C-alpha atoms as a PDB file:
ATOM      1  CA  MET A   1     -12.253 -10.546   4.542  1.00  0.00           C
ATOM      2  CA  LEU A   2     -14.150  -7.207   4.555  1.00  0.00           C
ATOM      3  CA  SER A   3     -14.656  -5.400   1.196  1.00  0.00           C
ATOM      4  CA  THR A   4     -14.320  -1.412   1.248  1.00  0.00           C
ATOM      5  CA  GLU A   5     -18.256  -1.103   1.347  1.00  0.00           C
ATOM      6  CA  GLU A   6     -18.949  -3.185   4.351  1.00  0.00           C
ATOM      7  CA  ILE A   7     -16.023  -0.750   6.048  1.00  0.00           C
ATOM      8  CA  SER A   8     -17.897   2.074   4.953  1.00  0.00           C
ATOM      9  CA  ALA A   9     -20.542   1.017   6.012  1.00  0.00           C
ATOM     10  CA  VAL A  10     -19.532   0.512   9.414  1.00  0.00           C
ATOM     11  CA  PHE A  11     -18.450   3.722   9.784  1.00  0.00           C
ATOM     12  CA  ALA A  12     -21.653   4.812   8.177  1.00  0.00           C
ATOM     13  CA  GLY A  13     -23.609   3.323  11.101  1.00  0.00           C
ATOM     14  CA  GLN A  14     -21.449   4.802  13.450  1.00  0.00           C
ATOM     15  CA  VAL A  15     -22.067   8.717  11.389  1.00  0.00           C
ATOM     16  CA  LEU A  16     -18.540   9.143  10.531  1.00  0.00           C
ATOM     17  CA  GLU A  17     -18.008   9.432   6.419  1.00  0.00           C
ATOM     18  CA  LEU A  18     -15.114   7.368   5.113  1.00  0.00           C
ATOM     19  CA  THR A  19     -14.119   8.422   1.793  1.00  0.00           C
ATOM     20  CA  GLY A  20     -11.493   6.935  -0.508  1.00  0.00           C
ATOM     21  CA  VAL A  21      -8.005   8.450  -1.460  1.00  0.00           C
ATOM     22  CA  ASP A  22      -6.056   8.568  -4.263  1.00  0.00           C
ATOM     23  CA  VAL A  23      -3.386   6.543  -3.463  1.00  0.00           C
ATOM     24  CA  SER A  24       0.327   8.106  -3.881  1.00  0.00           C
ATOM     25  CA  GLU A  25       3.519   5.431  -4.721  1.00  0.00           C
ATOM     26  CA  LYS A  26       5.734   8.046  -3.241  1.00  0.00           C
ATOM     27  CA  ASN A  27       3.342   7.492   0.560  1.00  0.00           C
ATOM     28  CA  VAL A  28       5.365   4.487   1.911  1.00  0.00           C
ATOM     29  CA  PHE A  29       1.689   4.203   4.514  1.00  0.00           C
ATOM     30  CA  GLN A  30       0.287   3.538   1.326  1.00  0.00           C
ATOM     31  CA  GLN A  31       2.198   1.142   0.074  1.00  0.00           C
ATOM     32  CA  GLU A  32       2.284  -2.943  -0.373  1.00  0.00           C
ATOM     33  CA  LEU A  33       3.503  -4.908   2.646  1.00  0.00           C
ATOM     34  CA  ASN A  34       4.212  -8.631   2.796  1.00  0.00           C
ATOM     35  CA  GLY A  35       2.404  -8.958  -0.048  1.00  0.00           C
ATOM     36  CA  HIS A  36      -0.875  -6.858   1.331  1.00  0.00           C
ATOM     37  CA  THR A  37      -2.461  -3.525   0.157  1.00  0.00           C
ATOM     38  CA  PRO A  38      -3.686  -1.584   2.941  1.00  0.00           C
ATOM     39  CA  LEU A  39      -7.034  -0.067   2.016  1.00  0.00           C
ATOM     40  CA  ASN A  40      -6.991   3.388   1.927  1.00  0.00           C
ATOM     41  CA  PHE A  41      -9.633   6.152   3.884  1.00  0.00           C
ATOM     42  CA  LEU A  42     -10.231   9.260   4.813  1.00  0.00           C
ATOM     43  CA  LEU A  43     -12.260   9.613   8.095  1.00  0.00           C
ATOM     44  CA  GLU A  44     -14.424  12.897   8.128  1.00  0.00           C
ATOM     45  CA  GLN A  45     -11.760  15.172   5.946  1.00  0.00           C
ATOM     46  CA  SER A  46      -9.342  14.569   8.367  1.00  0.00           C
ATOM     47  CA  LEU A  47      -7.852  11.433   9.243  1.00  0.00           C
ATOM     48  CA  LEU A  48      -6.286   9.500   7.065  1.00  0.00           C
ATOM     49  CA  LEU A  49      -6.736   5.436   7.781  1.00  0.00           C
ATOM     50  CA  PHE A  50      -4.632   2.233   6.014  1.00  0.00           C
ATOM     51  CA  ILE A  51      -6.196  -1.101   7.066  1.00  0.00           C
ATOM     52  CA  PHE A  52      -4.189  -3.803   6.196  1.00  0.00           C
ATOM     53  CA  ILE A  53      -6.979  -6.875   5.507  1.00  0.00           C
ATOM     54  CA  LYS A  54      -5.828 -10.751   6.041  1.00  0.00           C
ATOM     55  CA  MET A  55      -6.962 -13.298   4.605  1.00  0.00           C
ATOM     56  CA  ILE A  56      -6.480 -16.649   6.575  1.00  0.00           C
ATOM     57  CA  LEU A  57      -7.224 -19.553   5.145  1.00  0.00           C
END
Protein backbone atom coordinates (compact mmCIF):
# COMPACT_ATOMS: atom_id res chain seq x y z
CA MET A 1 0.00 0.00 0.00
CA LEU A 2 1.35 3.44 -0.90
CA SER A 3 1.66 6.15 1.69
CA THR A 4 0.81 9.82 1.23
CA GLU A 5 4.52 10.58 1.17
CA GLU A 6 5.21 8.00 -1.57
CA ILE A 7 2.42 9.36 -3.77
CA SER A 8 3.67 12.94 -3.27
CA ALA A 9 7.23 11.84 -4.16
CA VAL A 10 6.09 10.34 -7.48
CA PHE A 11 4.42 13.60 -8.50
CA ALA A 12 7.39 15.64 -7.24
CA GLY A 13 9.64 13.53 -9.48
CA GLN A 14 7.56 14.81 -12.40
CA VAL A 15 7.90 18.41 -11.14
CA LEU A 16 4.25 18.52 -10.06
CA GLU A 17 3.30 19.82 -6.64
CA LEU A 18 0.76 17.90 -4.58
CA THR A 19 -0.61 19.40 -1.39
CA GLY A 20 -3.05 18.01 1.12
CA VAL A 21 -6.58 19.38 1.34
CA ASP A 22 -9.03 19.72 4.17
CA VAL A 23 -11.63 16.96 4.13
CA SER A 24 -15.25 18.09 4.11
CA GLU A 25 -17.89 15.68 5.39
CA LYS A 26 -20.34 17.26 2.92
CA ASN A 27 -18.21 16.45 -0.16
CA VAL A 28 -19.34 13.05 -1.45
CA PHE A 29 -16.04 12.53 -3.30
CA GLN A 30 -14.13 12.65 0.00
CA GLN A 31 -16.35 10.16 1.83
CA GLU A 32 -15.68 6.50 2.54
CA LEU A 33 -16.64 4.09 -0.26
CA ASN A 34 -16.92 0.35 0.36
CA GLY A 35 -14.84 0.64 3.51
CA HIS A 36 -12.09 2.75 1.90
CA THR A 37 -11.44 6.42 2.57
CA PRO A 38 -9.64 8.29 -0.22
CA LEU A 39 -6.40 10.20 0.09
CA ASN A 40 -7.16 13.78 -0.95
CA PHE A 41 -4.68 16.00 -2.79
CA LEU A 42 -4.62 19.28 -4.66
CA LEU A 43 -2.43 19.15 -7.79
CA GLU A 44 -0.76 22.40 -8.87
CA GLN A 45 -3.38 24.43 -6.96
CA SER A 46 -6.09 23.64 -9.53
CA LEU A 47 -7.03 19.95 -9.71
CA LEU A 48 -8.39 17.86 -6.85
CA LEU A 49 -7.32 14.20 -6.77
CA PHE A 50 -9.11 11.54 -4.77
CA ILE A 51 -7.06 8.35 -4.56
CA PHE A 52 -8.59 5.18 -3.18
CA ILE A 53 -6.02 2.65 -2.03
CA LYS A 54 -7.11 -0.97 -1.87
CA MET A 55 -4.98 -3.42 0.00
CA ILE A 56 -5.02 -6.90 -1.55
CA LEU A 57 -4.29 -9.73 0.82
